[in-house]
Amino acid sequence: MSAIPQQSRADTIAGFLCAFSLALSGIAMVRNPGLLAPAAIVVALVATRMTRTHQRLAAISVAVGAVAFLVGMVVSIWTDHPIF
């Protein structure tokens, strides 16, 4: 027996979804925030519902997605870049 608890498949997939959401949030700040940031938030919310072990990571992913939306919108308006 190992001292490290085993993760379920759902926890593993939720961790990958959180990582994908964080990457999508980073892209959303510089490219089409009106489309990519809400998608990142939805992916993070799905991951939040899937896991118990990655709750903090999933909450951080949702918060980063919201901040990416706000920052991306400000940058898009400031530089006259399309929002969608």
PDB file of N, CA and C in Angstrom:
ATOM      1  N   MET A   1       0.825  -1.184   0.000  1.00  0.00           N
ATOM      2  CA  MET A   1       0.000   0.000   0.000  1.00  0.00           C
ATOM      3  C   MET A   1       0.866   1.242   0.000  1.00  0.00           C
ATOM      4  N   SER A   2       0.410   2.210  -0.710  1.00  0.00           N
ATOM      5  CA  SER A   2       1.129   3.471  -0.809  1.00  0.00           C
ATOM      6  C   SER A   2       0.516   4.486   0.147  1.00  0.00           C
ATOM      7  N   ALA A   3       1.344   5.415   0.604  1.00  0.00           N
ATOM      8  CA  ALA A   3       0.847   6.467   1.494  1.00  0.00           C
ATOM      9  C   ALA A   3       0.149   7.575   0.716  1.00  0.00           C
ATOM     10  N   ILE A   4       0.352   7.580  -0.592  1.00  0.00           N
ATOM     11  CA  ILE A   4      -0.272   8.598  -1.449  1.00  0.00           C
ATOM     12  C   ILE A   4      -1.646   8.090  -1.870  1.00  0.00           C
ATOM     13  N   PRO A   5      -2.703   8.874  -1.629  1.00  0.00           N
ATOM     14  CA  PRO A   5      -4.043   8.413  -2.012  1.00  0.00           C
ATOM     15  C   PRO A   5      -4.192   8.372  -3.536  1.00  0.00           C
ATOM     16  N   GLN A   6      -4.922   7.408  -4.022  1.00  0.00           N
ATOM     17  CA  GLN A   6      -5.152   7.261  -5.451  1.00  0.00           C
ATOM     18  C   GLN A   6      -6.196   8.266  -5.922  1.00  0.00           C
ATOM     19  N   GLN A   7      -5.946   8.848  -7.100  1.00  0.00           N
ATOM     20  CA  GLN A   7      -6.908   9.766  -7.686  1.00  0.00           C
ATOM     21  C   GLN A   7      -7.811   9.003  -8.644  1.00  0.00           C
ATOM     22  N   SER A   8      -9.024   9.448  -8.733  1.00  0.00           N
ATOM     23  CA  SER A   8      -9.925   8.848  -9.702  1.00  0.00           C
ATOM     24  C   SER A   8      -9.667   9.468 -11.079  1.00  0.00           C
ATOM     25  N   ARG A   9     -10.245   8.872 -12.085  1.00  0.00           N
ATOM     26  CA  ARG A   9     -10.084   9.411 -13.448  1.00  0.00           C
ATOM     27  C   ARG A   9     -10.703  10.789 -13.560  1.00  0.00           C
ATOM     28  N   ALA A  10     -11.798  11.016 -12.881  1.00  0.00           N
ATOM     29  CA  ALA A  10     -12.459  12.315 -12.942  1.00  0.00           C
ATOM     30  C   ALA A  10     -11.567  13.409 -12.352  1.00  0.00           C
ATOM     31  N   ASP A  11     -10.842  13.089 -11.286  1.00  0.00           N
ATOM     32  CA  ASP A  11      -9.928  14.067 -10.697  1.00  0.00           C
ATOM     33  C   ASP A  11      -8.778  14.389 -11.644  1.00  0.00           C
ATOM     34  N   THR A  12      -8.283  13.377 -12.324  1.00  0.00           N
ATOM     35  CA  THR A  12      -7.205  13.592 -13.283  1.00  0.00           C
ATOM     36  C   THR A  12      -7.674  14.453 -14.444  1.00  0.00           C
ATOM     37  N   ILE A  13      -8.841  14.144 -14.977  1.00  0.00           N
ATOM     38  CA  ILE A  13      -9.386  14.927 -16.087  1.00  0.00           C
ATOM     39  C   ILE A  13      -9.690  16.344 -15.643  1.00  0.00           C
ATOM     40  N   ALA A  14     -10.198  16.517 -14.439  1.00  0.00           N
ATOM     41  CA  ALA A  14     -10.479  17.854 -13.927  1.00  0.00           C
ATOM     42  C   ALA A  14      -9.199  18.678 -13.790  1.00  0.00           C
ATOM     43  N   GLY A  15      -8.113  18.047 -13.402  1.00  0.00           N
ATOM     44  CA  GLY A  15      -6.835  18.750 -13.337  1.00  0.00           C
ATOM     45  C   GLY A  15      -6.385  19.230 -14.708  1.00  0.00           C
ATOM     46  N   PHE A  16      -6.547  18.378 -15.717  1.00  0.00           N
ATOM     47  CA  PHE A  16      -6.210  18.787 -17.079  1.00  0.00           C
ATOM     48  C   PHE A  16      -7.134  19.891 -17.572  1.00  0.00           C
ATOM     49  N   LEU A  17      -8.415  19.827 -17.226  1.00  0.00           N
ATOM     50  CA  LEU A  17      -9.340  20.885 -17.614  1.00  0.00           C
ATOM     51  C   LEU A  17      -8.976  22.216 -16.964  1.00  0.00           C
ATOM     52  N   CYS A  18      -8.526  22.173 -15.723  1.00  0.00           N
ATOM     53  CA  CYS A  18      -8.076  23.398 -15.050  1.00  0.00           C
ATOM     54  C   CYS A  18      -6.863  23.988 -15.757  1.00  0.00           C
ATOM     55  N   ALA A  19      -5.927  23.136 -16.124  1.00  0.00           N
ATOM     56  CA  ALA A  19      -4.743  23.606 -16.842  1.00  0.00           C
ATOM     57  C   ALA A  19      -5.126  24.180 -18.201  1.00  0.00           C
ATOM     58  N   PHE A  20      -6.054  23.529 -18.893  1.00  0.00           N
ATOM     59  CA  PHE A  20      -6.521  24.038 -20.179  1.00  0.00           C
ATOM     60  C   PHE A  20      -7.221  25.382 -20.017  1.00  0.00           C
ATOM     61  N   SER A  21      -8.002  25.513 -18.963  1.00  0.00           N
ATOM     62  CA  SER A  21      -8.699  26.770 -18.696  1.00  0.00           C
ATOM     63  C   SER A  21      -7.708  27.906 -18.426  1.00  0.00           C
ATOM     64  N   LEU A  22      -6.660  27.617 -17.678  1.00  0.00           N
ATOM     65  CA  LEU A  22      -5.648  28.633 -17.406  1.00  0.00           C
ATOM     66  C   LEU A  22      -4.932  29.047 -18.688  1.00  0.00           C
ATOM     67  N   ALA A  23      -4.610  28.097 -19.551  1.00  0.00           N
ATOM     68  CA  ALA A  23      -3.965  28.416 -20.822  1.00  0.00           C
ATOM     69  C   ALA A  23      -4.902  29.222 -21.717  1.00  0.00           C
ATOM     70  N   LEU A  24      -6.150  28.847 -21.761  1.00  0.00           N
ATOM     71  CA  LEU A  24      -7.137  29.565 -22.569  1.00  0.00           C
ATOM     72  C   LEU A  24      -7.351  30.979 -22.036  1.00  0.00           C
ATOM     73  N   SER A  25      -7.274  31.162 -20.741  1.00  0.00           N
ATOM     74  CA  SER A  25      -7.391  32.495 -20.148  1.00  0.00           C
ATOM     75  C   SER A  25      -6.210  33.375 -20.553  1.00  0.00           C
ATOM     76  N   GLY A  26      -5.024  32.786 -20.586  1.00  0.00           N
ATOM     77  CA  GLY A  26      -3.857  33.548 -21.018  1.00  0.00           C
ATOM     78  C   GLY A  26      -3.964  33.986 -22.461  1.00  0.00           C
ATOM     79  N   ILE A  27      -4.473  33.111 -23.315  1.00  0.00           N
ATOM     80  CA  ILE A  27      -4.665  33.467 -24.717  1.00  0.00           C
ATOM     81  C   ILE A  27      -5.763  34.509 -24.854  1.00  0.00           C
ATOM     82  N   ALA A  28      -6.780  34.432 -24.018  1.00  0.00           N
ATOM     83  CA  ALA A  28      -7.913  35.354 -24.100  1.00  0.00           C
ATOM     84  C   ALA A  28      -7.513  36.792 -23.794  1.00  0.00           C
ATOM     85  N   MET A  29      -6.462  36.991 -23.036  1.00  0.00           N
ATOM     86  CA  MET A  29      -6.049  38.364 -22.724  1.00  0.00           C
ATOM     87  C   MET A  29      -5.486  39.083 -23.938  1.00  0.00           C
ATOM     88  N   VAL A  30      -4.978  38.344 -24.917  1.00  0.00           N
ATOM     89  CA  VAL A  30      -4.367  38.986 -26.080  1.00  0.00           C
ATOM     90  C   VAL A  30      -5.110  38.719 -27.380  1.00  0.00           C
ATOM     91  N   ARG A  31      -6.071  37.810 -27.367  1.00  0.00           N
ATOM     92  CA  ARG A  31      -6.752  37.441 -28.605  1.00  0.00           C
ATOM     93  C   ARG A  31      -8.215  37.106 -28.333  1.00  0.00           C
ATOM     94  N   ASN A  32      -9.139  37.891 -28.820  1.00  0.00           N
ATOM     95  CA  ASN A  32     -10.581  37.644 -28.749  1.00  0.00           C
ATOM     96  C   ASN A  32     -11.095  37.323 -27.342  1.00  0.00           C
ATOM     97  N   PRO A  33     -11.043  38.267 -26.427  1.00  0.00           N
ATOM     98  CA  PRO A  33     -11.475  37.978 -25.049  1.00  0.00           C
ATOM     99  C   PRO A  33     -12.971  37.729 -24.915  1.00  0.00           C
ATOM    100  N   GLY A  34     -13.770  38.277 -25.789  1.00  0.00           N
ATOM    101  CA  GLY A  34     -15.211  38.078 -25.700  1.00  0.00           C
ATOM    102  C   GLY A  34     -15.637  36.665 -26.033  1.00  0.00           C
ATOM    103  N   LEU A  35     -14.790  35.926 -26.703  1.00  0.00           N
ATOM    104  CA  LEU A  35     -15.094  34.545 -27.070  1.00  0.00           C
ATOM    105  C   LEU A  35     -14.335  33.544 -26.204  1.00  0.00           C
ATOM    106  N   LEU A  36     -13.053  33.789 -25.989  1.00  0.00           N
ATOM    107  CA  LEU A  36     -12.214  32.801 -25.310  1.00  0.00           C
ATOM    108  C   LEU A  36     -12.343  32.821 -23.793  1.00  0.00           C
ATOM    109  N   ALA A  37     -12.489  33.984 -23.190  1.00  0.00           N
ATOM    110  CA  ALA A  37     -12.579  34.054 -21.727  1.00  0.00           C
ATOM    111  C   ALA A  37     -13.850  33.377 -21.189  1.00  0.00           C
ATOM    112  N   PRO A  38     -15.019  33.613 -21.778  1.00  0.00           N
ATOM    113  CA  PRO A  38     -16.190  32.857 -21.287  1.00  0.00           C
ATOM    114  C   PRO A  38     -16.045  31.342 -21.474  1.00  0.00           C
ATOM    115  N   ALA A  39     -15.397  30.921 -22.556  1.00  0.00           N
ATOM    116  CA  ALA A  39     -15.158  29.491 -22.750  1.00  0.00           C
ATOM    117  C   ALA A  39     -14.234  28.947 -21.663  1.00  0.00           C
ATOM    118  N   ALA A  40     -13.221  29.728 -21.291  1.00  0.00           N
ATOM    119  CA  ALA A  40     -12.306  29.313 -20.222  1.00  0.00           C
ATOM    120  C   ALA A  40     -13.035  29.217 -18.886  1.00  0.00           C
ATOM    121  N   ILE A  41     -13.945  30.137 -18.639  1.00  0.00           N
ATOM    122  CA  ILE A  41     -14.708  30.112 -17.390  1.00  0.00           C
ATOM    123  C   ILE A  41     -15.632  28.895 -17.348  1.00  0.00           C
ATOM    124  N   VAL A  42     -16.262  28.573 -18.462  1.00  0.00           N
ATOM    125  CA  VAL A  42     -17.148  27.407 -18.517  1.00  0.00           C
ATOM    126  C   VAL A  42     -16.358  26.119 -18.293  1.00  0.00           C
ATOM    127  N   VAL A  43     -15.184  26.008 -18.920  1.00  0.00           N
ATOM    128  CA  VAL A  43     -14.349  24.822 -18.726  1.00  0.00           C
ATOM    129  C   VAL A  43     -13.928  24.707 -17.258  1.00  0.00           C
ATOM    130  N   ALA A  44     -13.580  25.835 -16.640  1.00  0.00           N
ATOM    131  CA  ALA A  44     -13.187  25.814 -15.229  1.00  0.00           C
ATOM    132  C   ALA A  44     -14.361  25.433 -14.328  1.00  0.00           C
ATOM    133  N   LEU A  45     -15.549  25.885 -14.657  1.00  0.00           N
ATOM    134  CA  LEU A  45     -16.722  25.513 -13.862  1.00  0.00           C
ATOM    135  C   LEU A  45     -17.049  24.029 -13.993  1.00  0.00           C
ATOM    136  N   VAL A  46     -16.850  23.476 -15.171  1.00  0.00           N
ATOM    137  CA  VAL A  46     -17.043  22.036 -15.348  1.00  0.00           C
ATOM    138  C   VAL A  46     -16.030  21.270 -14.503  1.00  0.00           C
ATOM    139  N   ALA A  47     -14.789  21.736 -14.507  1.00  0.00           N
ATOM    140  CA  ALA A  47     -13.758  21.087 -13.694  1.00  0.00           C
ATOM    141  C   ALA A  47     -14.063  21.214 -12.207  1.00  0.00           C
ATOM    142  N   THR A  48     -14.617  22.342 -11.812  1.00  0.00           N
ATOM    143  CA  THR A  48     -14.978  22.540 -10.408  1.00  0.00           C
ATOM    144  C   THR A  48     -16.016  21.518  -9.966  1.00  0.00           C
ATOM    145  N   ARG A  49     -16.955  21.240 -10.822  1.00  0.00           N
ATOM    146  CA  ARG A  49     -18.009  20.290 -10.486  1.00  0.00           C
ATOM    147  C   ARG A  49     -17.517  18.843 -10.498  1.00  0.00           C
ATOM    148  N   MET A  50     -16.463  18.565 -11.279  1.00  0.00           N
ATOM    149  CA  MET A  50     -15.986  17.188 -11.432  1.00  0.00           C
ATOM    150  C   MET A  50     -15.140  16.687 -10.273  1.00  0.00           C
ATOM    151  N   THR A  51     -14.460  17.573  -9.564  1.00  0.00           N
ATOM    152  CA  THR A  51     -13.411  17.124  -8.654  1.00  0.00           C
ATOM    153  C   THR A  51     -13.651  17.547  -7.211  1.00  0.00           C
ATOM    154  N   ARG A  52     -13.057  16.782  -6.317  1.00  0.00           N
ATOM    155  CA  ARG A  52     -13.008  17.140  -4.906  1.00  0.00           C
ATOM    156  C   ARG A  52     -11.569  17.462  -4.504  1.00  0.00           C
ATOM    157  N   THR A  53     -10.604  16.802  -5.133  1.00  0.00           N
ATOM    158  CA  THR A  53      -9.214  16.998  -4.727  1.00  0.00           C
ATOM    159  C   THR A  53      -8.593  18.259  -5.304  1.00  0.00           C
ATOM    160  N   HIS A  54      -9.100  18.738  -6.425  1.00  0.00           N
ATOM    161  CA  HIS A  54      -8.541  19.931  -7.075  1.00  0.00           C
ATOM    162  C   HIS A  54      -9.460  21.141  -6.927  1.00  0.00           C
ATOM    163  N   GLN A  55     -10.166  21.249  -5.827  1.00  0.00           N
ATOM    164  CA  GLN A  55     -11.111  22.351  -5.638  1.00  0.00           C
ATOM    165  C   GLN A  55     -10.421  23.714  -5.672  1.00  0.00           C
ATOM    166  N   ARG A  56      -9.268  23.827  -5.036  1.00  0.00           N
ATOM    167  CA  ARG A  56      -8.572  25.111  -4.999  1.00  0.00           C
ATOM    168  C   ARG A  56      -8.071  25.502  -6.390  1.00  0.00           C
ATOM    169  N   LEU A  57      -7.517  24.543  -7.124  1.00  0.00           N
ATOM    170  CA  LEU A  57      -7.048  24.810  -8.480  1.00  0.00           C
ATOM    171  C   LEU A  57      -8.209  25.210  -9.387  1.00  0.00           C
ATOM    172  N   ALA A  58      -9.336  24.566  -9.240  1.00  0.00           N
ATOM    173  CA  ALA A  58     -10.509  24.890 -10.051  1.00  0.00           C
ATOM    174  C   ALA A  58     -11.038  26.289  -9.718  1.00  0.00           C
ATOM    175  N   ALA A  59     -11.043  26.651  -8.448  1.00  0.00           N
ATOM    176  CA  ALA A  59     -11.487  27.994  -8.060  1.00  0.00           C
ATOM    177  C   ALA A  59     -10.533  29.054  -8.589  1.00  0.00           C
ATOM    178  N   ILE A  60      -9.252  28.770  -8.553  1.00  0.00           N
ATOM    179  CA  ILE A  60      -8.270  29.706  -9.103  1.00  0.00           C
ATOM    180  C   ILE A  60      -8.464  29.847 -10.612  1.00  0.00           C
ATOM    181  N   SER A  61      -8.787  28.764 -11.285  1.00  0.00           N
ATOM    182  CA  SER A  61      -9.030  28.805 -12.730  1.00  0.00           C
ATOM    183  C   SER A  61     -10.230  29.679 -13.074  1.00  0.00           C
ATOM    184  N   VAL A  62     -11.279  29.597 -12.281  1.00  0.00           N
ATOM    185  CA  VAL A  62     -12.455  30.449 -12.508  1.00  0.00           C
ATOM    186  C   VAL A  62     -12.092  31.913 -12.291  1.00  0.00           C
ATOM    187  N   ALA A  63     -11.358  32.199 -11.234  1.00  0.00           N
ATOM    188  CA  ALA A  63     -10.958  33.585 -10.942  1.00  0.00           C
ATOM    189  C   ALA A  63     -10.034  34.141 -12.022  1.00  0.00           C
ATOM    190  N   VAL A  64      -9.092  33.339 -12.482  1.00  0.00           N
ATOM    191  CA  VAL A  64      -8.181  33.787 -13.535  1.00  0.00           C
ATOM    192  C   VAL A  64      -8.953  34.036 -14.834  1.00  0.00           C
ATOM    193  N   GLY A  65      -9.940  33.203 -15.121  1.00  0.00           N
ATOM    194  CA  GLY A  65     -10.772  33.423 -16.303  1.00  0.00           C
ATOM    195  C   GLY A  65     -11.537  34.738 -16.236  1.00  0.00           C
ATOM    196  N   ALA A  66     -12.058  35.059 -15.058  1.00  0.00           N
ATOM    197  CA  ALA A  66     -12.784  36.331 -14.900  1.00  0.00           C
ATOM    198  C   ALA A  66     -11.847  37.523 -15.044  1.00  0.00           C
ATOM    199  N   VAL A  67     -10.669  37.433 -14.462  1.00  0.00           N
ATOM    200  CA  VAL A  67      -9.692  38.518 -14.589  1.00  0.00           C
ATOM    201  C   VAL A  67      -9.216  38.642 -16.035  1.00  0.00           C
ATOM    202  N   ALA A  68      -9.025  37.512 -16.717  1.00  0.00           N
ATOM    203  CA  ALA A  68      -8.614  37.532 -18.117  1.00  0.00           C
ATOM    204  C   ALA A  68      -9.679  38.198 -18.981  1.00  0.00           C
ATOM    205  N   PHE A  69     -10.940  37.962 -18.671  1.00  0.00           N
ATOM    206  CA  PHE A  69     -12.015  38.615 -19.412  1.00  0.00           C
ATOM    207  C   PHE A  69     -11.936  40.128 -19.240  1.00  0.00           C
ATOM    208  N   LEU A  70     -11.784  40.562 -18.016  1.00  0.00           N
ATOM    209  CA  LEU A  70     -11.727  41.996 -17.738  1.00  0.00           C
ATOM    210  C   LEU A  70     -10.502  42.643 -18.374  1.00  0.00           C
ATOM    211  N   VAL A  71      -9.350  42.060 -18.176  1.00  0.00           N
ATOM    212  CA  VAL A  71      -8.115  42.622 -18.735  1.00  0.00           C
ATOM    213  C   VAL A  71      -8.139  42.568 -20.256  1.00  0.00           C
ATOM    214  N   GLY A  72      -8.610  41.465 -20.818  1.00  0.00           N
ATOM    215  CA  GLY A  72      -8.693  41.349 -22.274  1.00  0.00           C
ATOM    216  C   GLY A  72      -9.619  42.373 -22.886  1.00  0.00           C
ATOM    217  N   MET A  73     -10.748  42.630 -22.248  1.00  0.00           N
ATOM    218  CA  MET A  73     -11.663  43.649 -22.756  1.00  0.00           C
ATOM    219  C   MET A  73     -11.033  45.038 -22.706  1.00  0.00           C
ATOM    220  N   VAL A  74     -10.357  45.346 -21.615  1.00  0.00           N
ATOM    221  CA  VAL A  74      -9.707  46.656 -21.493  1.00  0.00           C
ATOM    222  C   VAL A  74      -8.629  46.813 -22.553  1.00  0.00           C
ATOM    223  N   VAL A  75      -7.819  45.779 -22.739  1.00  0.00           N
ATOM    224  CA  VAL A  75      -6.756  45.849 -23.741  1.00  0.00           C
ATOM    225  C   VAL A  75      -7.342  45.953 -25.147  1.00  0.00           C
ATOM    226  N   SER A  76      -8.400  45.216 -25.434  1.00  0.00           N
ATOM    227  CA  SER A  76      -9.016  45.264 -26.761  1.00  0.00           C
ATOM    228  C   SER A  76      -9.603  46.635 -27.058  1.00  0.00           C
ATOM    229  N   ILE A  77     -10.243  47.223 -26.084  1.00  0.00           N
ATOM    230  CA  ILE A  77     -10.823  48.549 -26.296  1.00  0.00           C
ATOM    231  C   ILE A  77      -9.721  49.595 -26.414  1.00  0.00           C
ATOM    232  N   TRP A  78      -8.700  49.449 -25.611  1.00  0.00           N
ATOM    233  CA  TRP A  78      -7.605  50.422 -25.599  1.00  0.00           C
ATOM    234  C   TRP A  78      -6.813  50.396 -26.908  1.00  0.00           C
ATOM    235  N   THR A  79      -6.639  49.224 -27.510  1.00  0.00           N
ATOM    236  CA  THR A  79      -5.849  49.097 -28.731  1.00  0.00           C
ATOM    237  C   THR A  79      -6.700  49.008 -29.995  1.00  0.00           C
ATOM    238  N   ASP A  80      -8.011  49.195 -29.893  1.00  0.00           N
ATOM    239  CA  ASP A  80      -8.934  49.095 -31.026  1.00  0.00           C
ATOM    240  C   ASP A  80      -8.856  47.738 -31.720  1.00  0.00           C
ATOM    241  N   HIS A  81      -8.686  46.701 -30.943  1.00  0.00           N
ATOM    242  CA  HIS A  81      -8.657  45.332 -31.442  1.00  0.00           C
ATOM    243  C   HIS A  81     -10.063  44.758 -31.335  1.00  0.00           C
ATOM    244  N   PRO A  82     -10.480  43.881 -32.260  1.00  0.00           N
ATOM    245  CA  PRO A  82     -11.833  43.336 -32.155  1.00  0.00           C
ATOM    246  C   PRO A  82     -12.030  42.496 -30.889  1.00  0.00           C
ATOM    247  N   ILE A  83     -13.212  42.630 -30.302  1.00  0.00           N
ATOM    248  CA  ILE A  83     -13.525  41.924 -29.064  1.00  0.00           C
ATOM    249  C   ILE A  83     -13.884  40.473 -29.341  1.00  0.00           C
ATOM    250  N   PHE A  84     -14.573  40.206 -30.445  1.00  0.00           N
ATOM    251  CA  PHE A  84     -14.976  38.832 -30.776  1.00  0.00           C
ATOM    252  C   PHE A  84     -14.129  38.283 -31.868  1.00  0.00           C
TER     253      PHE A  84
END
